[in-house]
């Protein structure tokens, strides 16, 4: 397997952008959510690009795929949590729609990348 430079992968770059957006967004949440939704959203957003990066260090595409699948799972977890944030009125409908479209695009890109691996 040729190792990928994770910093050059669009899925990693977009995932990293999502982390920054998530941290800025959760800074506006009520402080009572510090150990709840804020922590969950921040942790799963960080998990997306982190698992992509870690996967690039693996010696086989099968192992890389496992880390991409974990990253994809974190993306779906993140999507669920922004749905909760919108229902609790922590984010506006417009912000929700923007974030949801970004995460769906990222989910598709990660899924597509997984599909192109030879394993």
PDB file of N, CA and C in Angstrom:
ATOM      1  N   UNK A   1       0.855  -1.184   0.000  1.00  0.00           N
ATOM      2  CA  UNK A   1       0.000   0.000   0.000  1.00  0.00           C
ATOM      3  C   UNK A   1       0.895   1.239   0.000  1.00  0.00           C
ATOM      4  N   UNK A   2       0.571   2.174  -0.872  1.00  0.00           N
ATOM      5  CA  UNK A   2       1.240   3.473  -0.838  1.00  0.00           C
ATOM      6  C   UNK A   2       0.622   4.282   0.285  1.00  0.00           C
ATOM      7  N   UNK A   3       1.452   4.806   1.142  1.00  0.00           N
ATOM      8  CA  UNK A   3       0.930   5.631   2.230  1.00  0.00           C
ATOM      9  C   UNK A   3       0.496   6.975   1.676  1.00  0.00           C
ATOM     10  N   UNK A   4      -0.594   7.471   2.199  1.00  0.00           N
ATOM     11  CA  UNK A   4      -1.119   8.764   1.798  1.00  0.00           C
ATOM     12  C   UNK A   4      -0.569   9.841   2.720  1.00  0.00           C
ATOM     13  N   UNK A   5      -0.354  11.016   2.177  1.00  0.00           N
ATOM     14  CA  UNK A   5      -0.023  12.177   3.002  1.00  0.00           C
ATOM     15  C   UNK A   5      -1.357  12.753   3.457  1.00  0.00           C
ATOM     16  N   UNK A   6      -1.717  12.510   4.708  1.00  0.00           N
ATOM     17  CA  UNK A   6      -3.052  12.887   5.178  1.00  0.00           C
ATOM     18  C   UNK A   6      -3.338  14.371   5.003  1.00  0.00           C
ATOM     19  N   UNK A   7      -2.316  15.217   5.092  1.00  0.00           N
ATOM     20  CA  UNK A   7      -2.531  16.660   4.972  1.00  0.00           C
ATOM     21  C   UNK A   7      -2.985  17.066   3.574  1.00  0.00           C
ATOM     22  N   UNK A   8      -2.729  16.217   2.596  1.00  0.00           N
ATOM     23  CA  UNK A   8      -3.128  16.507   1.215  1.00  0.00           C
ATOM     24  C   UNK A   8      -4.496  15.922   0.864  1.00  0.00           C
ATOM     25  N   UNK A   9      -5.053  15.118   1.747  1.00  0.00           N
ATOM     26  CA  UNK A   9      -6.353  14.495   1.473  1.00  0.00           C
ATOM     27  C   UNK A   9      -7.476  15.496   1.726  1.00  0.00           C
ATOM     28  N   UNK A  10      -8.355  15.650   0.740  1.00  0.00           N
ATOM     29  CA  UNK A  10      -9.480  16.581   0.867  1.00  0.00           C
ATOM     30  C   UNK A  10     -10.374  16.189   2.043  1.00  0.00           C
ATOM     31  N   UNK A  11     -10.542  14.900   2.280  1.00  0.00           N
ATOM     32  CA  UNK A  11     -11.399  14.471   3.395  1.00  0.00           C
ATOM     33  C   UNK A  11     -10.800  14.902   4.734  1.00  0.00           C
ATOM     34  N   UNK A  12      -9.477  14.882   4.840  1.00  0.00           N
ATOM     35  CA  UNK A  12      -8.831  15.336   6.074  1.00  0.00           C
ATOM     36  C   UNK A  12      -8.962  16.847   6.207  1.00  0.00           C
ATOM     37  N   UNK A  13      -8.714  17.575   5.123  1.00  0.00           N
ATOM     38  CA  UNK A  13      -8.798  19.037   5.144  1.00  0.00           C
ATOM     39  C   UNK A  13     -10.201  19.499   5.517  1.00  0.00           C
ATOM     40  N   UNK A  14     -11.207  18.883   4.890  1.00  0.00           N
ATOM     41  CA  UNK A  14     -12.594  19.248   5.205  1.00  0.00           C
ATOM     42  C   UNK A  14     -12.954  18.858   6.640  1.00  0.00           C
ATOM     43  N   UNK A  15     -12.447  17.723   7.085  1.00  0.00           N
ATOM     44  CA  UNK A  15     -12.680  17.299   8.463  1.00  0.00           C
ATOM     45  C   UNK A  15     -12.068  18.271   9.458  1.00  0.00           C
ATOM     46  N   UNK A  16     -10.875  18.746   9.162  1.00  0.00           N
ATOM     47  CA  UNK A  16     -10.215  19.715  10.033  1.00  0.00           C
ATOM     48  C   UNK A  16     -11.004  21.026  10.073  1.00  0.00           C
ATOM     49  N   UNK A  17     -11.517  21.446   8.917  1.00  0.00           N
ATOM     50  CA  UNK A  17     -12.361  22.643   8.877  1.00  0.00           C
ATOM     51  C   UNK A  17     -13.606  22.487   9.731  1.00  0.00           C
ATOM     52  N   UNK A  18     -14.148  21.285   9.747  1.00  0.00           N
ATOM     53  CA  UNK A  18     -15.325  20.999  10.565  1.00  0.00           C
ATOM     54  C   UNK A  18     -15.004  21.093  12.052  1.00  0.00           C
ATOM     55  N   UNK A  19     -13.804  20.695  12.435  1.00  0.00           N
ATOM     56  CA  UNK A  19     -13.388  20.796  13.841  1.00  0.00           C
ATOM     57  C   UNK A  19     -13.399  22.262  14.273  1.00  0.00           C
ATOM     58  N   UNK A  20     -12.797  23.116  13.464  1.00  0.00           N
ATOM     59  CA  UNK A  20     -12.728  24.547  13.792  1.00  0.00           C
ATOM     60  C   UNK A  20     -14.134  25.118  13.899  1.00  0.00           C
ATOM     61  N   UNK A  21     -14.983  24.790  12.930  1.00  0.00           N
ATOM     62  CA  UNK A  21     -16.368  25.277  12.931  1.00  0.00           C
ATOM     63  C   UNK A  21     -17.114  24.780  14.172  1.00  0.00           C
ATOM     64  N   UNK A  22     -16.880  23.532  14.546  1.00  0.00           N
ATOM     65  CA  UNK A  22     -17.551  22.941  15.701  1.00  0.00           C
ATOM     66  C   UNK A  22     -17.154  23.647  16.989  1.00  0.00           C
ATOM     67  N   UNK A  23     -15.868  23.870  17.173  1.00  0.00           N
ATOM     68  CA  UNK A  23     -15.410  24.544  18.393  1.00  0.00           C
ATOM     69  C   UNK A  23     -15.981  25.961  18.486  1.00  0.00           C
ATOM     70  N   UNK A  24     -16.021  26.671  17.364  1.00  0.00           N
ATOM     71  CA  UNK A  24     -16.602  28.019  17.374  1.00  0.00           C
ATOM     72  C   UNK A  24     -18.092  27.959  17.696  1.00  0.00           C
ATOM     73  N   UNK A  25     -18.782  26.980  17.112  1.00  0.00           N
ATOM     74  CA  UNK A  25     -20.221  26.836  17.331  1.00  0.00           C
ATOM     75  C   UNK A  25     -20.514  26.489  18.790  1.00  0.00           C
ATOM     76  N   UNK A  26     -19.774  25.530  19.344  1.00  0.00           N
ATOM     77  CA  UNK A  26     -20.075  25.095  20.711  1.00  0.00           C
ATOM     78  C   UNK A  26     -19.704  26.151  21.748  1.00  0.00           C
ATOM     79  N   UNK A  27     -18.888  27.121  21.378  1.00  0.00           N
ATOM     80  CA  UNK A  27     -18.592  28.235  22.294  1.00  0.00           C
ATOM     81  C   UNK A  27     -19.837  29.068  22.596  1.00  0.00           C
ATOM     82  N   UNK A  28     -20.862  28.937  21.752  1.00  0.00           N
ATOM     83  CA  UNK A  28     -22.094  29.707  21.949  1.00  0.00           C
ATOM     84  C   UNK A  28     -23.157  28.912  22.724  1.00  0.00           C
ATOM     85  N   UNK A  29     -22.896  27.646  22.987  1.00  0.00           N
ATOM     86  CA  UNK A  29     -23.867  26.802  23.683  1.00  0.00           C
ATOM     87  C   UNK A  29     -23.914  27.186  25.167  1.00  0.00           C
ATOM     88  N   UNK A  30     -25.019  26.878  25.835  1.00  0.00           N
ATOM     89  CA  UNK A  30     -25.116  27.155  27.277  1.00  0.00           C
ATOM     90  C   UNK A  30     -24.039  26.392  28.048  1.00  0.00           C
ATOM     91  N   UNK A  31     -23.528  27.000  29.106  1.00  0.00           N
ATOM     92  CA  UNK A  31     -22.457  26.377  29.894  1.00  0.00           C
ATOM     93  C   UNK A  31     -22.900  25.059  30.527  1.00  0.00           C
ATOM     94  N   UNK A  32     -24.201  24.884  30.720  1.00  0.00           N
ATOM     95  CA  UNK A  32     -24.679  23.617  31.296  1.00  0.00           C
ATOM     96  C   UNK A  32     -24.381  22.425  30.381  1.00  0.00           C
ATOM     97  N   UNK A  33     -24.073  22.693  29.107  1.00  0.00           N
ATOM     98  CA  UNK A  33     -23.762  21.629  28.150  1.00  0.00           C
ATOM     99  C   UNK A  33     -22.265  21.305  28.083  1.00  0.00           C
ATOM    100  N   UNK A  34     -21.466  21.943  28.945  1.00  0.00           N
ATOM    101  CA  UNK A  34     -20.005  21.768  28.902  1.00  0.00           C
ATOM    102  C   UNK A  34     -19.591  20.303  28.902  1.00  0.00           C
ATOM    103  N   UNK A  35     -20.208  19.496  29.751  1.00  0.00           N
ATOM    104  CA  UNK A  35     -19.842  18.085  29.845  1.00  0.00           C
ATOM    105  C   UNK A  35     -20.821  17.190  29.094  1.00  0.00           C
ATOM    106  N   UNK A  36     -21.728  17.786  28.360  1.00  0.00           N
ATOM    107  CA  UNK A  36     -22.697  17.034  27.584  1.00  0.00           C
ATOM    108  C   UNK A  36     -22.468  17.221  26.092  1.00  0.00           C
ATOM    109  N   UNK A  37     -23.367  17.948  25.486  1.00  0.00           N
ATOM    110  CA  UNK A  37     -23.349  18.104  24.035  1.00  0.00           C
ATOM    111  C   UNK A  37     -22.088  18.804  23.526  1.00  0.00           C
ATOM    112  N   UNK A  38     -21.582  19.785  24.251  1.00  0.00           N
ATOM    113  CA  UNK A  38     -20.356  20.477  23.817  1.00  0.00           C
ATOM    114  C   UNK A  38     -19.202  19.477  23.739  1.00  0.00           C
ATOM    115  N   UNK A  39     -19.028  18.719  24.781  1.00  0.00           N
ATOM    116  CA  UNK A  39     -17.945  17.733  24.823  1.00  0.00           C
ATOM    117  C   UNK A  39     -18.111  16.684  23.729  1.00  0.00           C
ATOM    118  N   UNK A  40     -19.324  16.179  23.563  1.00  0.00           N
ATOM    119  CA  UNK A  40     -19.581  15.159  22.545  1.00  0.00           C
ATOM    120  C   UNK A  40     -19.293  15.677  21.144  1.00  0.00           C
ATOM    121  N   UNK A  41     -19.823  16.854  20.821  1.00  0.00           N
ATOM    122  CA  UNK A  41     -19.613  17.425  19.492  1.00  0.00           C
ATOM    123  C   UNK A  41     -18.135  17.679  19.220  1.00  0.00           C
ATOM    124  N   UNK A  42     -17.444  18.259  20.191  1.00  0.00           N
ATOM    125  CA  UNK A  42     -16.028  18.548  19.998  1.00  0.00           C
ATOM    126  C   UNK A  42     -15.220  17.263  19.816  1.00  0.00           C
ATOM    127  N   UNK A  43     -15.499  16.266  20.646  1.00  0.00           N
ATOM    128  CA  UNK A  43     -14.732  15.014  20.573  1.00  0.00           C
ATOM    129  C   UNK A  43     -14.983  14.269  19.266  1.00  0.00           C
ATOM    130  N   UNK A  44     -16.222  14.186  18.827  1.00  0.00           N
ATOM    131  CA  UNK A  44     -16.453  13.423  17.595  1.00  0.00           C
ATOM    132  C   UNK A  44     -15.992  14.208  16.371  1.00  0.00           C
ATOM    133  N   UNK A  45     -16.012  15.548  16.428  1.00  0.00           N
ATOM    134  CA  UNK A  45     -15.479  16.311  15.285  1.00  0.00           C
ATOM    135  C   UNK A  45     -13.975  16.082  15.168  1.00  0.00           C
ATOM    136  N   UNK A  46     -13.269  16.066  16.291  1.00  0.00           N
ATOM    137  CA  UNK A  46     -11.822  15.820  16.289  1.00  0.00           C
ATOM    138  C   UNK A  46     -11.523  14.403  15.797  1.00  0.00           C
ATOM    139  N   UNK A  47     -12.406  13.479  16.098  1.00  0.00           N
ATOM    140  CA  UNK A  47     -12.217  12.089  15.699  1.00  0.00           C
ATOM    141  C   UNK A  47     -12.212  11.910  14.182  1.00  0.00           C
ATOM    142  N   UNK A  48     -12.942  12.745  13.467  1.00  0.00           N
ATOM    143  CA  UNK A  48     -13.053  12.570  12.014  1.00  0.00           C
ATOM    144  C   UNK A  48     -11.683  12.711  11.343  1.00  0.00           C
ATOM    145  N   UNK A  49     -11.019  13.877  11.416  1.00  0.00           N
ATOM    146  CA  UNK A  49      -9.716  13.974  10.749  1.00  0.00           C
ATOM    147  C   UNK A  49      -8.623  13.176  11.465  1.00  0.00           C
ATOM    148  N   UNK A  50      -8.751  12.988  12.774  1.00  0.00           N
ATOM    149  CA  UNK A  50      -7.726  12.245  13.510  1.00  0.00           C
ATOM    150  C   UNK A  50      -7.643  10.795  13.041  1.00  0.00           C
ATOM    151  N   UNK A  51      -8.789  10.167  12.832  1.00  0.00           N
ATOM    152  CA  UNK A  51      -8.784   8.777  12.364  1.00  0.00           C
ATOM    153  C   UNK A  51      -8.330   8.664  10.920  1.00  0.00           C
ATOM    154  N   UNK A  52      -8.621   9.664  10.118  1.00  0.00           N
ATOM    155  CA  UNK A  52      -8.101   9.673   8.745  1.00  0.00           C
ATOM    156  C   UNK A  52      -6.578   9.723   8.791  1.00  0.00           C
ATOM    157  N   UNK A  53      -6.042  10.630   9.603  1.00  0.00           N
ATOM    158  CA  UNK A  53      -4.589  10.763   9.733  1.00  0.00           C
ATOM    159  C   UNK A  53      -3.963   9.475  10.259  1.00  0.00           C
ATOM    160  N   UNK A  54      -4.539   8.924  11.320  1.00  0.00           N
ATOM    161  CA  UNK A  54      -3.983   7.700  11.887  1.00  0.00           C
ATOM    162  C   UNK A  54      -4.025   6.558  10.883  1.00  0.00           C
ATOM    163  N   UNK A  55      -5.095   6.483  10.133  1.00  0.00           N
ATOM    164  CA  UNK A  55      -5.226   5.421   9.135  1.00  0.00           C
ATOM    165  C   UNK A  55      -4.152   5.462   8.067  1.00  0.00           C
ATOM    166  N   UNK A  56      -3.677   6.655   7.729  1.00  0.00           N
ATOM    167  CA  UNK A  56      -2.636   6.754   6.703  1.00  0.00           C
ATOM    168  C   UNK A  56      -1.319   6.140   7.152  1.00  0.00           C
ATOM    169  N   UNK A  57      -1.138   5.932   8.440  1.00  0.00           N
ATOM    170  CA  UNK A  57       0.112   5.349   8.944  1.00  0.00           C
ATOM    171  C   UNK A  57       0.109   3.825   8.874  1.00  0.00           C
ATOM    172  N   UNK A  58      -1.020   3.239   8.587  1.00  0.00           N
ATOM    173  CA  UNK A  58      -1.127   1.782   8.619  1.00  0.00           C
ATOM    174  C   UNK A  58      -0.490   1.150   7.380  1.00  0.00           C
ATOM    175  N   UNK A  59      -0.073  -0.094   7.548  1.00  0.00           N
ATOM    176  CA  UNK A  59       0.695  -0.756   6.494  1.00  0.00           C
ATOM    177  C   UNK A  59      -0.155  -1.442   5.424  1.00  0.00           C
ATOM    178  N   UNK A  60      -1.460  -1.481   5.623  1.00  0.00           N
ATOM    179  CA  UNK A  60      -2.311  -2.103   4.599  1.00  0.00           C
ATOM    180  C   UNK A  60      -3.574  -1.271   4.392  1.00  0.00           C
ATOM    181  N   UNK A  61      -4.134  -1.403   3.210  1.00  0.00           N
ATOM    182  CA  UNK A  61      -5.370  -0.684   2.918  1.00  0.00           C
ATOM    183  C   UNK A  61      -6.525  -1.211   3.763  1.00  0.00           C
ATOM    184  N   UNK A  62      -6.459  -2.482   4.144  1.00  0.00           N
ATOM    185  CA  UNK A  62      -7.492  -3.043   5.017  1.00  0.00           C
ATOM    186  C   UNK A  62      -7.507  -2.310   6.355  1.00  0.00           C
ATOM    187  N   UNK A  63      -6.325  -2.069   6.922  1.00  0.00           N
ATOM    188  CA  UNK A  63      -6.260  -1.350   8.190  1.00  0.00           C
ATOM    189  C   UNK A  63      -6.650   0.118   8.014  1.00  0.00           C
ATOM    190  N   UNK A  64      -6.215   0.718   6.915  1.00  0.00           N
ATOM    191  CA  UNK A  64      -6.581   2.103   6.620  1.00  0.00           C
ATOM    192  C   UNK A  64      -8.092   2.223   6.529  1.00  0.00           C
ATOM    193  N   UNK A  65      -8.704   1.265   5.865  1.00  0.00           N
ATOM    194  CA  UNK A  65     -10.164   1.258   5.715  1.00  0.00           C
ATOM    195  C   UNK A  65     -10.874   1.268   7.074  1.00  0.00           C
ATOM    196  N   UNK A  66     -10.345   0.498   8.007  1.00  0.00           N
ATOM    197  CA  UNK A  66     -10.941   0.448   9.347  1.00  0.00           C
ATOM    198  C   UNK A  66     -10.979   1.840   9.971  1.00  0.00           C
ATOM    199  N   UNK A  67      -9.883   2.586   9.850  1.00  0.00           N
ATOM    200  CA  UNK A  67      -9.838   3.928  10.426  1.00  0.00           C
ATOM    201  C   UNK A  67     -10.748   4.892   9.672  1.00  0.00           C
ATOM    202  N   UNK A  68     -10.878   4.711   8.366  1.00  0.00           N
ATOM    203  CA  UNK A  68     -11.815   5.541   7.601  1.00  0.00           C
ATOM    204  C   UNK A  68     -13.252   5.247   8.018  1.00  0.00           C
ATOM    205  N   UNK A  69     -13.542   3.984   8.292  1.00  0.00           N
ATOM    206  CA  UNK A  69     -14.888   3.619   8.749  1.00  0.00           C
ATOM    207  C   UNK A  69     -15.188   4.216  10.121  1.00  0.00           C
ATOM    208  N   UNK A  70     -14.190   4.260  10.986  1.00  0.00           N
ATOM    209  CA  UNK A  70     -14.365   4.907  12.295  1.00  0.00           C
ATOM    210  C   UNK A  70     -14.632   6.397  12.087  1.00  0.00           C
ATOM    211  N   UNK A  71     -13.876   7.008  11.192  1.00  0.00           N
ATOM    212  CA  UNK A  71     -14.063   8.421  10.872  1.00  0.00           C
ATOM    213  C   UNK A  71     -15.481   8.674  10.343  1.00  0.00           C
ATOM    214  N   UNK A  72     -15.937   7.799   9.471  1.00  0.00           N
ATOM    215  CA  UNK A  72     -17.291   7.926   8.924  1.00  0.00           C
ATOM    216  C   UNK A  72     -18.334   7.783  10.030  1.00  0.00           C
ATOM    217  N   UNK A  73     -18.121   6.849  10.932  1.00  0.00           N
ATOM    218  CA  UNK A  73     -19.038   6.691  12.063  1.00  0.00           C
ATOM    219  C   UNK A  73     -19.100   7.952  12.904  1.00  0.00           C
ATOM    220  N   UNK A  74     -17.948   8.578  13.123  1.00  0.00           N
ATOM    221  CA  UNK A  74     -17.913   9.836  13.875  1.00  0.00           C
ATOM    222  C   UNK A  74     -18.655  10.941  13.138  1.00  0.00           C
ATOM    223  N   UNK A  75     -18.603  10.923  11.819  1.00  0.00           N
ATOM    224  CA  UNK A  75     -19.326  11.921  11.027  1.00  0.00           C
ATOM    225  C   UNK A  75     -20.842  11.757  11.196  1.00  0.00           C
ATOM    226  N   UNK A  76     -21.305  10.521  11.245  1.00  0.00           N
ATOM    227  CA  UNK A  76     -22.735  10.283  11.463  1.00  0.00           C
ATOM    228  C   UNK A  76     -23.133  10.632  12.901  1.00  0.00           C
ATOM    229  N   UNK A  77     -22.246  10.344  13.841  1.00  0.00           N
ATOM    230  CA  UNK A  77     -22.492  10.733  15.230  1.00  0.00           C
ATOM    231  C   UNK A  77     -22.608  12.259  15.326  1.00  0.00           C
ATOM    232  N   UNK A  78     -21.686  12.965  14.689  1.00  0.00           N
ATOM    233  CA  UNK A  78     -21.681  14.431  14.690  1.00  0.00           C
ATOM    234  C   UNK A  78     -22.988  14.961  14.106  1.00  0.00           C
ATOM    235  N   UNK A  79     -23.434  14.360  12.993  1.00  0.00           N
ATOM    236  CA  UNK A  79     -24.686  14.798  12.365  1.00  0.00           C
ATOM    237  C   UNK A  79     -25.858  14.649  13.334  1.00  0.00           C
ATOM    238  N   UNK A  80     -25.919  13.544  14.042  1.00  0.00           N
ATOM    239  CA  UNK A  80     -26.984  13.330  15.020  1.00  0.00           C
ATOM    240  C   UNK A  80     -26.960  14.409  16.097  1.00  0.00           C
ATOM    241  N   UNK A  81     -25.773  14.759  16.536  1.00  0.00           N
ATOM    242  CA  UNK A  81     -25.650  15.754  17.604  1.00  0.00           C
ATOM    243  C   UNK A  81     -26.031  17.159  17.149  1.00  0.00           C
ATOM    244  N   UNK A  82     -25.784  17.489  15.875  1.00  0.00           N
ATOM    245  CA  UNK A  82     -26.245  18.824  15.441  1.00  0.00           C
ATOM    246  C   UNK A  82     -27.759  18.849  15.273  1.00  0.00           C
ATOM    247  N   UNK A  83     -28.346  17.702  14.968  1.00  0.00           N
ATOM    248  CA  UNK A  83     -29.817  17.621  14.935  1.00  0.00           C
ATOM    249  C   UNK A  83     -30.350  17.924  16.337  1.00  0.00           C
ATOM    250  N   UNK A  84     -29.725  17.328  17.336  1.00  0.00           N
ATOM    251  CA  UNK A  84     -30.118  17.593  18.729  1.00  0.00           C
ATOM    252  C   UNK A  84     -29.921  19.064  19.063  1.00  0.00           C
ATOM    253  N   UNK A  85     -28.785  19.634  18.665  1.00  0.00           N
ATOM    254  CA  UNK A  85     -28.496  21.048  18.944  1.00  0.00           C
ATOM    255  C   UNK A  85     -29.550  21.957  18.317  1.00  0.00           C
ATOM    256  N   UNK A  86     -29.989  21.618  17.123  1.00  0.00           N
ATOM    257  CA  UNK A  86     -31.027  22.438  16.483  1.00  0.00           C
ATOM    258  C   UNK A  86     -32.359  22.288  17.211  1.00  0.00           C
ATOM    259  N   UNK A  87     -32.705  21.074  17.582  1.00  0.00           N
ATOM    260  CA  UNK A  87     -33.976  20.850  18.289  1.00  0.00           C
ATOM    261  C   UNK A  87     -33.998  21.560  19.643  1.00  0.00           C
ATOM    262  N   UNK A  88     -32.829  21.696  20.265  1.00  0.00           N
ATOM    263  CA  UNK A  88     -32.731  22.415  21.531  1.00  0.00           C
ATOM    264  C   UNK A  88     -32.570  23.929  21.327  1.00  0.00           C
ATOM    265  N   UNK A  89     -32.574  24.352  20.071  1.00  0.00           N
ATOM    266  CA  UNK A  89     -32.453  25.772  19.694  1.00  0.00           C
ATOM    267  C   UNK A  89     -31.087  26.370  20.059  1.00  0.00           C
ATOM    268  N   UNK A  90     -30.039  25.517  20.074  1.00  0.00           N
ATOM    269  CA  UNK A  90     -28.683  26.018  20.318  1.00  0.00           C
ATOM    270  C   UNK A  90     -28.075  26.574  19.033  1.00  0.00           C
ATOM    271  N   UNK A  91     -28.614  26.113  17.892  1.00  0.00           N
ATOM    272  CA  UNK A  91     -28.206  26.657  16.593  1.00  0.00           C
ATOM    273  C   UNK A  91     -29.466  26.973  15.796  1.00  0.00           C
ATOM    274  N   UNK A  92     -29.337  27.918  14.882  1.00  0.00           N
ATOM    275  CA  UNK A  92     -30.486  28.318  14.057  1.00  0.00           C
ATOM    276  C   UNK A  92     -30.733  27.288  12.962  1.00  0.00           C
ATOM    277  N   UNK A  93     -31.889  27.366  12.359  1.00  0.00           N
ATOM    278  CA  UNK A  93     -32.222  26.474  11.245  1.00  0.00           C
ATOM    279  C   UNK A  93     -31.264  26.685  10.081  1.00  0.00           C
ATOM    280  N   UNK A  94     -30.906  27.935   9.812  1.00  0.00           N
ATOM    281  CA  UNK A  94     -29.968  28.227   8.723  1.00  0.00           C
ATOM    282  C   UNK A  94     -28.598  27.616   8.997  1.00  0.00           C
ATOM    283  N   UNK A  95     -28.123  27.776  10.226  1.00  0.00           N
ATOM    284  CA  UNK A  95     -26.825  27.206  10.587  1.00  0.00           C
ATOM    285  C   UNK A  95     -26.872  25.686  10.500  1.00  0.00           C
ATOM    286  N   UNK A  96     -27.978  25.110  10.956  1.00  0.00           N
ATOM    287  CA  UNK A  96     -28.151  23.666  10.885  1.00  0.00           C
ATOM    288  C   UNK A  96     -28.083  23.184   9.437  1.00  0.00           C
ATOM    289  N   UNK A  97     -28.815  23.851   8.545  1.00  0.00           N
ATOM    290  CA  UNK A  97     -28.832  23.437   7.138  1.00  0.00           C
ATOM    291  C   UNK A  97     -27.443  23.509   6.518  1.00  0.00           C
ATOM    292  N   UNK A  98     -26.689  24.561   6.837  1.00  0.00           N
ATOM    293  CA  UNK A  98     -25.327  24.687   6.322  1.00  0.00           C
ATOM    294  C   UNK A  98     -24.453  23.551   6.844  1.00  0.00           C
ATOM    295  N   UNK A  99     -24.511  23.301   8.147  1.00  0.00           N
ATOM    296  CA  UNK A  99     -23.690  22.257   8.755  1.00  0.00           C
ATOM    297  C   UNK A  99     -24.086  20.870   8.255  1.00  0.00           C
ATOM    298  N   UNK A 100     -25.383  20.648   8.129  1.00  0.00           N
ATOM    299  CA  UNK A 100     -25.842  19.345   7.661  1.00  0.00           C
ATOM    300  C   UNK A 100     -25.376  19.080   6.231  1.00  0.00           C
ATOM    301  N   UNK A 101     -25.443  20.082   5.382  1.00  0.00           N
ATOM    302  CA  UNK A 101     -24.991  19.865   4.009  1.00  0.00           C
ATOM    303  C   UNK A 101     -23.488  19.599   3.963  1.00  0.00           C
ATOM    304  N   UNK A 102     -22.730  20.264   4.827  1.00  0.00           N
ATOM    305  CA  UNK A 102     -21.277  20.024   4.883  1.00  0.00           C
ATOM    306  C   UNK A 102     -20.963  18.601   5.347  1.00  0.00           C
ATOM    307  N   UNK A 103     -21.664  18.139   6.378  1.00  0.00           N
ATOM    308  CA  UNK A 103     -21.355  16.815   6.906  1.00  0.00           C
ATOM    309  C   UNK A 103     -21.811  15.726   5.942  1.00  0.00           C
ATOM    310  N   UNK A 104     -22.919  15.930   5.269  1.00  0.00           N
ATOM    311  CA  UNK A 104     -23.372  14.938   4.288  1.00  0.00           C
ATOM    312  C   UNK A 104     -22.365  14.840   3.146  1.00  0.00           C
ATOM    313  N   UNK A 105     -21.858  15.978   2.703  1.00  0.00           N
ATOM    314  CA  UNK A 105     -20.835  15.974   1.649  1.00  0.00           C
ATOM    315  C   UNK A 105     -19.588  15.227   2.115  1.00  0.00           C
ATOM    316  N   UNK A 106     -19.171  15.478   3.352  1.00  0.00           N
ATOM    317  CA  UNK A 106     -17.989  14.808   3.891  1.00  0.00           C
ATOM    318  C   UNK A 106     -18.232  13.298   4.035  1.00  0.00           C
ATOM    319  N   UNK A 107     -19.415  12.920   4.473  1.00  0.00           N
ATOM    320  CA  UNK A 107     -19.753  11.501   4.578  1.00  0.00           C
ATOM    321  C   UNK A 107     -19.659  10.822   3.210  1.00  0.00           C
ATOM    322  N   UNK A 108     -20.157  11.489   2.186  1.00  0.00           N
ATOM    323  CA  UNK A 108     -20.087  10.937   0.827  1.00  0.00           C
ATOM    324  C   UNK A 108     -18.644  10.804   0.361  1.00  0.00           C
ATOM    325  N   UNK A 109     -17.823  11.802   0.659  1.00  0.00           N
ATOM    326  CA  UNK A 109     -16.429  11.766   0.235  1.00  0.00           C
ATOM    327  C   UNK A 109     -15.665  10.643   0.947  1.00  0.00           C
ATOM    328  N   UNK A 110     -15.897  10.491   2.246  1.00  0.00           N
ATOM    329  CA  UNK A 110     -15.227   9.413   2.986  1.00  0.00           C
ATOM    330  C   UNK A 110     -15.689   8.054   2.458  1.00  0.00           C
ATOM    331  N   UNK A 111     -16.989   7.896   2.234  1.00  0.00           N
ATOM    332  CA  UNK A 111     -17.530   6.646   1.698  1.00  0.00           C
ATOM    333  C   UNK A 111     -16.925   6.342   0.328  1.00  0.00           C
ATOM    334  N   UNK A 112     -16.833   7.364  -0.510  1.00  0.00           N
ATOM    335  CA  UNK A 112     -16.237   7.188  -1.827  1.00  0.00           C
ATOM    336  C   UNK A 112     -14.772   6.784  -1.754  1.00  0.00           C
ATOM    337  N   UNK A 113     -14.060   7.384  -0.835  1.00  0.00           N
ATOM    338  CA  UNK A 113     -12.642   7.044  -0.636  1.00  0.00           C
ATOM    339  C   UNK A 113     -12.502   5.596  -0.189  1.00  0.00           C
ATOM    340  N   UNK A 114     -13.347   5.198   0.732  1.00  0.00           N
ATOM    341  CA  UNK A 114     -13.345   3.804   1.198  1.00  0.00           C
ATOM    342  C   UNK A 114     -13.574   2.851   0.014  1.00  0.00           C
ATOM    343  N   UNK A 115     -14.530   3.196  -0.842  1.00  0.00           N
ATOM    344  CA  UNK A 115     -14.869   2.363  -1.987  1.00  0.00           C
ATOM    345  C   UNK A 115     -13.744   2.215  -2.998  1.00  0.00           C
ATOM    346  N   UNK A 116     -12.828   3.152  -3.013  1.00  0.00           N
ATOM    347  CA  UNK A 116     -11.715   3.103  -3.972  1.00  0.00           C
ATOM    348  C   UNK A 116     -10.505   2.322  -3.462  1.00  0.00           C
ATOM    349  N   UNK A 117     -10.513   1.944  -2.181  1.00  0.00           N
ATOM    350  CA  UNK A 117      -9.381   1.183  -1.647  1.00  0.00           C
ATOM    351  C   UNK A 117      -9.413  -0.248  -2.144  1.00  0.00           C
ATOM    352  N   UNK A 118      -8.256  -0.816  -2.376  1.00  0.00           N
ATOM    353  CA  UNK A 118      -8.140  -2.212  -2.827  1.00  0.00           C
ATOM    354  C   UNK A 118      -7.985  -3.127  -1.617  1.00  0.00           C
ATOM    355  N   UNK A 119      -9.116  -3.554  -1.069  1.00  0.00           N
ATOM    356  CA  UNK A 119      -9.032  -4.505   0.044  1.00  0.00           C
ATOM    357  C   UNK A 119     -10.262  -5.378   0.092  1.00  0.00           C
TER     358      UNK A 119
END
